[in-house]
Amino acid sequence: MKCSFCSTEIEKGTGKMYVKMDGKIFYFCSSKCEKNQLKLKRNPVKTGWVAKKKKEKA
């Protein structure tokens, strides 16, 4: 499965799953991604370190 914020692959047995009251499920690879999406409400497209990771993969 992939991280809902930075879309990196999450290995089995690691990461966190967050379920909202409306039933949406989010998977996070780290607490950094969790905090950026849930608490700080940041857009991953505008976050510099996410864009760099995606360029390295391509």
Protein backbone atom coordinates (compact mmCIF):
# COMPACT_ATOMS: atom_id res chain seq x y z
CA MET A 1 0.00 0.00 0.00
CA LYS A 2 1.09 3.61 -0.51
CA CYS A 3 1.31 6.61 1.80
CA SER A 4 -1.68 8.94 1.38
CA PHE A 5 0.54 12.04 1.57
CA CYS A 6 3.83 11.32 -0.21
CA SER A 7 2.76 8.13 -2.08
CA THR A 8 5.84 6.08 -1.12
CA GLU A 9 5.45 2.34 -0.66
CA ILE A 10 4.82 1.21 2.93
CA GLU A 11 6.28 -2.13 3.96
CA LYS A 12 4.05 -4.65 5.71
CA GLY A 13 4.04 -4.21 9.46
CA THR A 14 5.06 -0.54 9.36
CA GLY A 15 3.23 2.77 9.07
CA LYS A 16 -0.08 3.98 10.45
CA MET A 17 -3.69 3.76 9.35
CA TYR A 18 -6.02 6.67 10.21
CA VAL A 19 -9.80 6.40 9.78
CA LYS A 20 -11.90 9.58 9.79
CA MET A 21 -15.45 9.72 11.16
CA ASP A 22 -16.87 9.82 7.61
CA GLY A 23 -15.15 6.51 6.77
CA LYS A 24 -12.18 7.76 4.73
CA ILE A 25 -9.02 5.76 5.33
CA PHE A 26 -5.53 7.29 5.22
CA TYR A 27 -2.23 5.38 5.33
CA PHE A 28 0.94 7.13 6.47
CA CYS A 29 4.56 6.01 6.19
CA SER A 30 5.79 8.36 8.96
CA SER A 31 4.59 10.77 11.59
CA LYS A 32 5.95 13.57 9.37
CA CYS A 33 3.43 12.74 6.64
CA GLU A 34 0.63 12.27 9.18
CA LYS A 35 1.24 15.66 10.80
CA ASN A 36 1.51 17.49 7.46
CA GLN A 37 -1.81 16.14 6.18
CA LEU A 38 -3.98 16.01 9.30
CA LYS A 39 -2.75 18.75 11.62
CA LEU A 40 -1.14 21.26 9.26
CA LYS A 41 -3.53 20.50 6.35
CA ARG A 42 -0.84 20.89 3.71
CA ASN A 43 -1.17 20.04 0.06
CA PRO A 44 1.44 17.42 -0.98
CA VAL A 45 1.80 19.02 -4.42
CA LYS A 46 3.03 22.27 -2.85
CA THR A 47 5.39 20.56 -0.39
CA GLY A 48 8.97 20.62 -1.68
CA TRP A 49 10.26 17.35 -0.24
CA VAL A 50 7.36 15.37 -1.71
CA ALA A 51 8.01 16.79 -5.16
CA LYS A 52 11.71 15.83 -4.91
CA LYS A 53 10.83 12.23 -3.98
CA LYS A 54 8.50 11.92 -6.95
CA LYS A 55 11.17 13.27 -9.35
CA GLU A 56 13.72 10.73 -8.03
CA LYS A 57 11.33 7.84 -8.73
CA ALA A 58 10.67 8.89 -12.34
